[in-house]
């Protein structure tokens, strides 16, 4: 049996990059929701922060759904 180390390293690199990207997107979503809470306590509007948070969460859900699609297909 011969292991293709270059392909194994490539898969590791891509999975690491995708994991960091998903964690970053989710963190941005949480940050947007916390800004909404801060703005609500001050009496301001935070529509942009909420929209950005929901967009980040939707992108995370789409990436997870695409990953599941790749596994199943």
PDB file of N, CA and C in Angstrom:
ATOM      1  N   UNK A   1       0.844  -1.176   0.000  1.00  0.00           N
ATOM      2  CA  UNK A   1       0.000   0.000   0.000  1.00  0.00           C
ATOM      3  C   UNK A   1       0.888   1.236   0.000  1.00  0.00           C
ATOM      4  N   UNK A   2       0.564   2.180  -0.869  1.00  0.00           N
ATOM      5  CA  UNK A   2       1.339   3.407  -0.976  1.00  0.00           C
ATOM      6  C   UNK A   2       0.455   4.581  -0.580  1.00  0.00           C
ATOM      7  N   UNK A   3       0.943   5.402   0.332  1.00  0.00           N
ATOM      8  CA  UNK A   3       0.199   6.566   0.790  1.00  0.00           C
ATOM      9  C   UNK A   3       0.663   7.782  -0.001  1.00  0.00           C
ATOM     10  N   UNK A   4      -0.282   8.493  -0.567  1.00  0.00           N
ATOM     11  CA  UNK A   4       0.023   9.721  -1.290  1.00  0.00           C
ATOM     12  C   UNK A   4       0.038  10.874  -0.285  1.00  0.00           C
ATOM     13  N   UNK A   5       1.223  11.204   0.212  1.00  0.00           N
ATOM     14  CA  UNK A   5       1.354  12.186   1.291  1.00  0.00           C
ATOM     15  C   UNK A   5       0.972  13.597   0.840  1.00  0.00           C
ATOM     16  N   UNK A   6       1.196  13.905  -0.421  1.00  0.00           N
ATOM     17  CA  UNK A   6       0.833  15.230  -0.923  1.00  0.00           C
ATOM     18  C   UNK A   6      -0.686  15.422  -0.893  1.00  0.00           C
ATOM     19  N   UNK A   7      -1.421  14.408  -1.308  1.00  0.00           N
ATOM     20  CA  UNK A   7      -2.882  14.495  -1.269  1.00  0.00           C
ATOM     21  C   UNK A   7      -3.388  14.535   0.162  1.00  0.00           C
ATOM     22  N   UNK A   8      -2.785  13.765   1.031  1.00  0.00           N
ATOM     23  CA  UNK A   8      -3.180  13.767   2.439  1.00  0.00           C
ATOM     24  C   UNK A   8      -2.929  15.133   3.069  1.00  0.00           C
ATOM     25  N   UNK A   9      -1.807  15.748   2.736  1.00  0.00           N
ATOM     26  CA  UNK A   9      -1.513  17.086   3.234  1.00  0.00           C
ATOM     27  C   UNK A   9      -2.457  18.120   2.676  1.00  0.00           C
ATOM     28  N   UNK A  10      -2.843  17.966   1.421  1.00  0.00           N
ATOM     29  CA  UNK A  10      -3.787  18.880   0.792  1.00  0.00           C
ATOM     30  C   UNK A  10      -5.160  18.805   1.466  1.00  0.00           C
ATOM     31  N   UNK A  11      -5.617  17.601   1.734  1.00  0.00           N
ATOM     32  CA  UNK A  11      -6.898  17.425   2.422  1.00  0.00           C
ATOM     33  C   UNK A  11      -6.837  18.031   3.820  1.00  0.00           C
ATOM     34  N   UNK A  12      -5.732  17.835   4.507  1.00  0.00           N
ATOM     35  CA  UNK A  12      -5.580  18.412   5.847  1.00  0.00           C
ATOM     36  C   UNK A  12      -5.605  19.933   5.786  1.00  0.00           C
ATOM     37  N   UNK A  13      -4.914  20.516   4.821  1.00  0.00           N
ATOM     38  CA  UNK A  13      -4.865  21.967   4.696  1.00  0.00           C
ATOM     39  C   UNK A  13      -6.226  22.571   4.376  1.00  0.00           C
ATOM     40  N   UNK A  14      -6.949  21.944   3.469  1.00  0.00           N
ATOM     41  CA  UNK A  14      -8.270  22.448   3.103  1.00  0.00           C
ATOM     42  C   UNK A  14      -9.237  22.320   4.277  1.00  0.00           C
ATOM     43  N   UNK A  15      -9.203  21.193   4.969  1.00  0.00           N
ATOM     44  CA  UNK A  15     -10.113  21.019   6.101  1.00  0.00           C
ATOM     45  C   UNK A  15      -9.785  21.990   7.226  1.00  0.00           C
ATOM     46  N   UNK A  16      -8.517  22.284   7.441  1.00  0.00           N
ATOM     47  CA  UNK A  16      -8.126  23.252   8.458  1.00  0.00           C
ATOM     48  C   UNK A  16      -8.608  24.652   8.077  1.00  0.00           C
ATOM     49  N   UNK A  17      -8.448  25.019   6.818  1.00  0.00           N
ATOM     50  CA  UNK A  17      -8.876  26.343   6.361  1.00  0.00           C
ATOM     51  C   UNK A  17     -10.390  26.501   6.450  1.00  0.00           C
ATOM     52  N   UNK A  18     -11.128  25.468   6.076  1.00  0.00           N
ATOM     53  CA  UNK A  18     -12.589  25.536   6.140  1.00  0.00           C
ATOM     54  C   UNK A  18     -13.054  25.604   7.590  1.00  0.00           C
ATOM     55  N   UNK A  19     -12.404  24.869   8.468  1.00  0.00           N
ATOM     56  CA  UNK A  19     -12.762  24.915   9.887  1.00  0.00           C
ATOM     57  C   UNK A  19     -12.533  26.305  10.464  1.00  0.00           C
ATOM     58  N   UNK A  20     -11.398  26.906  10.157  1.00  0.00           N
ATOM     59  CA  UNK A  20     -11.108  28.257  10.654  1.00  0.00           C
ATOM     60  C   UNK A  20     -12.106  29.263  10.082  1.00  0.00           C
ATOM     61  N   UNK A  21     -12.468  29.105   8.818  1.00  0.00           N
ATOM     62  CA  UNK A  21     -13.440  30.013   8.199  1.00  0.00           C
ATOM     63  C   UNK A  21     -14.815  29.886   8.853  1.00  0.00           C
ATOM     64  N   UNK A  22     -15.249  28.655   9.126  1.00  0.00           N
ATOM     65  CA  UNK A  22     -16.556  28.470   9.759  1.00  0.00           C
ATOM     66  C   UNK A  22     -16.579  29.020  11.180  1.00  0.00           C
ATOM     67  N   UNK A  23     -15.513  28.795  11.916  1.00  0.00           N
ATOM     68  CA  UNK A  23     -15.449  29.329  13.280  1.00  0.00           C
ATOM     69  C   UNK A  23     -15.439  30.855  13.245  1.00  0.00           C
ATOM     70  N   UNK A  24     -14.738  31.432  12.299  1.00  0.00           N
ATOM     71  CA  UNK A  24     -14.705  32.892  12.173  1.00  0.00           C
ATOM     72  C   UNK A  24     -16.081  33.448  11.816  1.00  0.00           C
ATOM     73  N   UNK A  25     -16.774  32.815  10.885  1.00  0.00           N
ATOM     74  CA  UNK A  25     -18.121  33.259  10.523  1.00  0.00           C
ATOM     75  C   UNK A  25     -19.073  33.178  11.709  1.00  0.00           C
ATOM     76  N   UNK A  26     -19.013  32.079  12.450  1.00  0.00           N
ATOM     77  CA  UNK A  26     -19.894  31.925  13.602  1.00  0.00           C
ATOM     78  C   UNK A  26     -19.570  32.965  14.669  1.00  0.00           C
ATOM     79  N   UNK A  27     -18.275  33.252  14.850  1.00  0.00           N
ATOM     80  CA  UNK A  27     -17.871  34.275  15.816  1.00  0.00           C
ATOM     81  C   UNK A  27     -18.383  35.647  15.408  1.00  0.00           C
ATOM     82  N   UNK A  28     -18.323  35.947  14.124  1.00  0.00           N
ATOM     83  CA  UNK A  28     -18.877  37.219  13.646  1.00  0.00           C
ATOM     84  C   UNK A  28     -20.383  37.299  13.887  1.00  0.00           C
ATOM     85  N   UNK A  29     -21.077  36.189  13.728  1.00  0.00           N
ATOM     86  CA  UNK A  29     -22.509  36.169  14.004  1.00  0.00           C
ATOM     87  C   UNK A  29     -22.809  36.421  15.469  1.00  0.00           C
ATOM     88  N   UNK A  30     -22.059  35.800  16.338  1.00  0.00           N
ATOM     89  CA  UNK A  30     -22.236  36.009  17.783  1.00  0.00           C
ATOM     90  C   UNK A  30     -21.919  37.460  18.139  1.00  0.00           C
ATOM     91  N   UNK A  31     -20.890  38.022  17.532  1.00  0.00           N
ATOM     92  CA  UNK A  31     -20.529  39.411  17.793  1.00  0.00           C
ATOM     93  C   UNK A  31     -21.651  40.359  17.343  1.00  0.00           C
ATOM     94  N   UNK A  32     -22.250  40.072  16.208  1.00  0.00           N
ATOM     95  CA  UNK A  32     -23.362  40.888  15.731  1.00  0.00           C
ATOM     96  C   UNK A  32     -24.549  40.842  16.674  1.00  0.00           C
ATOM     97  N   UNK A  33     -24.837  39.669  17.207  1.00  0.00           N
ATOM     98  CA  UNK A  33     -25.947  39.568  18.155  1.00  0.00           C
ATOM     99  C   UNK A  33     -25.644  40.272  19.468  1.00  0.00           C
ATOM    100  N   UNK A  34     -24.395  40.243  19.892  1.00  0.00           N
ATOM    101  CA  UNK A  34     -24.049  40.952  21.130  1.00  0.00           C
ATOM    102  C   UNK A  34     -24.121  42.466  20.926  1.00  0.00           C
ATOM    103  N   UNK A  35     -23.808  42.931  19.718  1.00  0.00           N
ATOM    104  CA  UNK A  35     -23.964  44.364  19.428  1.00  0.00           C
ATOM    105  C   UNK A  35     -25.429  44.766  19.439  1.00  0.00           C
ATOM    106  N   UNK A  36     -26.294  43.855  19.012  1.00  0.00           N
ATOM    107  CA  UNK A  36     -27.724  44.134  19.072  1.00  0.00           C
ATOM    108  C   UNK A  36     -28.164  44.315  20.526  1.00  0.00           C
ATOM    109  N   UNK A  37     -27.679  43.457  21.394  1.00  0.00           N
ATOM    110  CA  UNK A  37     -28.031  43.567  22.811  1.00  0.00           C
ATOM    111  C   UNK A  37     -27.515  44.873  23.400  1.00  0.00           C
ATOM    112  N   UNK A  38     -26.297  45.229  23.037  1.00  0.00           N
ATOM    113  CA  UNK A  38     -25.708  46.476  23.532  1.00  0.00           C
ATOM    114  C   UNK A  38     -26.491  47.690  23.022  1.00  0.00           C
ATOM    115  N   UNK A  39     -26.891  47.653  21.743  1.00  0.00           N
ATOM    116  CA  UNK A  39     -27.647  48.769  21.177  1.00  0.00           C
ATOM    117  C   UNK A  39     -29.043  48.852  21.791  1.00  0.00           C
ATOM    118  N   UNK A  40     -29.642  47.713  22.077  1.00  0.00           N
ATOM    119  CA  UNK A  40     -30.973  47.715  22.680  1.00  0.00           C
ATOM    120  C   UNK A  40     -30.930  48.300  24.086  1.00  0.00           C
ATOM    121  N   UNK A  41     -29.857  48.018  24.810  1.00  0.00           N
ATOM    122  CA  UNK A  41     -29.758  48.567  26.164  1.00  0.00           C
ATOM    123  C   UNK A  41     -29.520  50.080  26.139  1.00  0.00           C
ATOM    124  N   UNK A  42     -28.941  50.582  25.048  1.00  0.00           N
ATOM    125  CA  UNK A  42     -28.699  52.015  24.924  1.00  0.00           C
ATOM    126  C   UNK A  42     -29.842  52.733  24.212  1.00  0.00           C
ATOM    127  N   UNK A  43     -30.797  51.989  23.699  1.00  0.00           N
ATOM    128  CA  UNK A  43     -31.934  52.585  23.013  1.00  0.00           C
ATOM    129  C   UNK A  43     -31.690  52.873  21.548  1.00  0.00           C
ATOM    130  N   UNK A  44     -30.620  52.332  20.975  1.00  0.00           N
ATOM    131  CA  UNK A  44     -30.310  52.549  19.557  1.00  0.00           C
ATOM    132  C   UNK A  44     -30.839  51.389  18.711  1.00  0.00           C
ATOM    133  N   UNK A  45     -30.781  51.580  17.395  1.00  0.00           N
ATOM    134  CA  UNK A  45     -31.164  50.526  16.461  1.00  0.00           C
ATOM    135  C   UNK A  45     -29.912  49.798  15.982  1.00  0.00           C
ATOM    136  N   UNK A  46     -30.021  48.501  15.839  1.00  0.00           N
ATOM    137  CA  UNK A  46     -28.880  47.706  15.394  1.00  0.00           C
ATOM    138  C   UNK A  46     -29.295  46.781  14.257  1.00  0.00           C
ATOM    139  N   UNK A  47     -30.031  47.311  13.302  1.00  0.00           N
ATOM    140  CA  UNK A  47     -30.534  46.494  12.200  1.00  0.00           C
ATOM    141  C   UNK A  47     -29.393  45.931  11.351  1.00  0.00           C
ATOM    142  N   UNK A  48     -28.358  46.716  11.136  1.00  0.00           N
ATOM    143  CA  UNK A  48     -27.228  46.241  10.327  1.00  0.00           C
ATOM    144  C   UNK A  48     -26.489  45.108  11.036  1.00  0.00           C
ATOM    145  N   UNK A  49     -26.316  45.223  12.339  1.00  0.00           N
ATOM    146  CA  UNK A  49     -25.631  44.173  13.089  1.00  0.00           C
ATOM    147  C   UNK A  49     -26.436  42.873  13.069  1.00  0.00           C
ATOM    148  N   UNK A  50     -27.740  42.976  13.196  1.00  0.00           N
ATOM    149  CA  UNK A  50     -28.592  41.782  13.177  1.00  0.00           C
ATOM    150  C   UNK A  50     -28.594  41.150  11.792  1.00  0.00           C
ATOM    151  N   UNK A  51     -28.665  41.973  10.758  1.00  0.00           N
ATOM    152  CA  UNK A  51     -28.629  41.452   9.392  1.00  0.00           C
ATOM    153  C   UNK A  51     -27.305  40.748   9.111  1.00  0.00           C
ATOM    154  N   UNK A  52     -26.210  41.345   9.558  1.00  0.00           N
ATOM    155  CA  UNK A  52     -24.904  40.714   9.389  1.00  0.00           C
ATOM    156  C   UNK A  52     -24.792  39.417  10.155  1.00  0.00           C
ATOM    157  N   UNK A  53     -25.347  39.384  11.358  1.00  0.00           N
ATOM    158  CA  UNK A  53     -25.303  38.164  12.164  1.00  0.00           C
ATOM    159  C   UNK A  53     -26.087  37.048  11.497  1.00  0.00           C
ATOM    160  N   UNK A  54     -27.282  37.362  11.024  1.00  0.00           N
ATOM    161  CA  UNK A  54     -28.090  36.342  10.366  1.00  0.00           C
ATOM    162  C   UNK A  54     -27.450  35.879   9.057  1.00  0.00           C
ATOM    163  N   UNK A  55     -26.778  36.779   8.362  1.00  0.00           N
ATOM    164  CA  UNK A  55     -26.069  36.398   7.142  1.00  0.00           C
ATOM    165  C   UNK A  55     -24.922  35.440   7.458  1.00  0.00           C
ATOM    166  N   UNK A  56     -24.188  35.720   8.525  1.00  0.00           N
ATOM    167  CA  UNK A  56     -23.097  34.834   8.930  1.00  0.00           C
ATOM    168  C   UNK A  56     -23.624  33.452   9.322  1.00  0.00           C
ATOM    169  N   UNK A  57     -24.729  33.420  10.075  1.00  0.00           N
ATOM    170  CA  UNK A  57     -25.301  32.135  10.462  1.00  0.00           C
ATOM    171  C   UNK A  57     -25.825  31.370   9.258  1.00  0.00           C
ATOM    172  N   UNK A  58     -26.400  32.074   8.286  1.00  0.00           N
ATOM    173  CA  UNK A  58     -26.877  31.421   7.067  1.00  0.00           C
ATOM    174  C   UNK A  58     -25.723  30.857   6.254  1.00  0.00           C
ATOM    175  N   UNK A  59     -24.608  31.585   6.206  1.00  0.00           N
ATOM    176  CA  UNK A  59     -23.422  31.081   5.493  1.00  0.00           C
ATOM    177  C   UNK A  59     -22.859  29.844   6.185  1.00  0.00           C
ATOM    178  N   UNK A  60     -22.870  29.836   7.512  1.00  0.00           N
ATOM    179  CA  UNK A  60     -22.415  28.654   8.252  1.00  0.00           C
ATOM    180  C   UNK A  60     -23.315  27.457   7.952  1.00  0.00           C
ATOM    181  N   UNK A  61     -24.617  27.686   7.970  1.00  0.00           N
ATOM    182  CA  UNK A  61     -25.555  26.597   7.694  1.00  0.00           C
ATOM    183  C   UNK A  61     -25.399  26.083   6.265  1.00  0.00           C
ATOM    184  N   UNK A  62     -25.168  26.992   5.329  1.00  0.00           N
ATOM    185  CA  UNK A  62     -24.971  26.577   3.933  1.00  0.00           C
ATOM    186  C   UNK A  62     -23.693  25.764   3.782  1.00  0.00           C
ATOM    187  N   UNK A  63     -22.628  26.157   4.458  1.00  0.00           N
ATOM    188  CA  UNK A  63     -21.369  25.415   4.374  1.00  0.00           C
ATOM    189  C   UNK A  63     -21.506  24.032   4.994  1.00  0.00           C
ATOM    190  N   UNK A  64     -22.197  23.943   6.112  1.00  0.00           N
ATOM    191  CA  UNK A  64     -22.415  22.638   6.738  1.00  0.00           C
ATOM    192  C   UNK A  64     -23.296  21.767   5.852  1.00  0.00           C
ATOM    193  N   UNK A  65     -24.333  22.348   5.291  1.00  0.00           N
ATOM    194  CA  UNK A  65     -25.195  21.596   4.378  1.00  0.00           C
ATOM    195  C   UNK A  65     -24.443  21.106   3.158  1.00  0.00           C
ATOM    196  N   UNK A  66     -23.566  21.939   2.611  1.00  0.00           N
ATOM    197  CA  UNK A  66     -22.769  21.528   1.450  1.00  0.00           C
ATOM    198  C   UNK A  66     -21.802  20.399   1.832  1.00  0.00           C
ATOM    199  N   UNK A  67     -21.238  20.479   3.028  1.00  0.00           N
ATOM    200  CA  UNK A  67     -20.356  19.406   3.493  1.00  0.00           C
ATOM    201  C   UNK A  67     -21.095  18.088   3.631  1.00  0.00           C
ATOM    202  N   UNK A  68     -22.303  18.148   4.167  1.00  0.00           N
ATOM    203  CA  UNK A  68     -23.111  16.929   4.292  1.00  0.00           C
ATOM    204  C   UNK A  68     -23.464  16.398   2.907  1.00  0.00           C
ATOM    205  N   UNK A  69     -23.772  17.296   1.985  1.00  0.00           N
ATOM    206  CA  UNK A  69     -24.061  16.887   0.605  1.00  0.00           C
ATOM    207  C   UNK A  69     -22.850  16.171  -0.008  1.00  0.00           C
ATOM    208  N   UNK A  70     -21.655  16.705   0.226  1.00  0.00           N
ATOM    209  CA  UNK A  70     -20.455  16.073  -0.331  1.00  0.00           C
ATOM    210  C   UNK A  70     -20.205  14.693   0.269  1.00  0.00           C
ATOM    211  N   UNK A  71     -20.520  14.546   1.544  1.00  0.00           N
ATOM    212  CA  UNK A  71     -20.329  13.236   2.191  1.00  0.00           C
ATOM    213  C   UNK A  71     -21.330  12.223   1.657  1.00  0.00           C
ATOM    214  N   UNK A  72     -22.584  12.633   1.503  1.00  0.00           N
ATOM    215  CA  UNK A  72     -23.638  11.706   1.081  1.00  0.00           C
ATOM    216  C   UNK A  72     -23.522  11.361  -0.396  1.00  0.00           C
ATOM    217  N   UNK A  73     -23.165  12.333  -1.226  1.00  0.00           N
ATOM    218  CA  UNK A  73     -23.131  12.102  -2.681  1.00  0.00           C
ATOM    219  C   UNK A  73     -21.976  11.247  -3.114  1.00  0.00           C
TER     220      UNK A  73
END
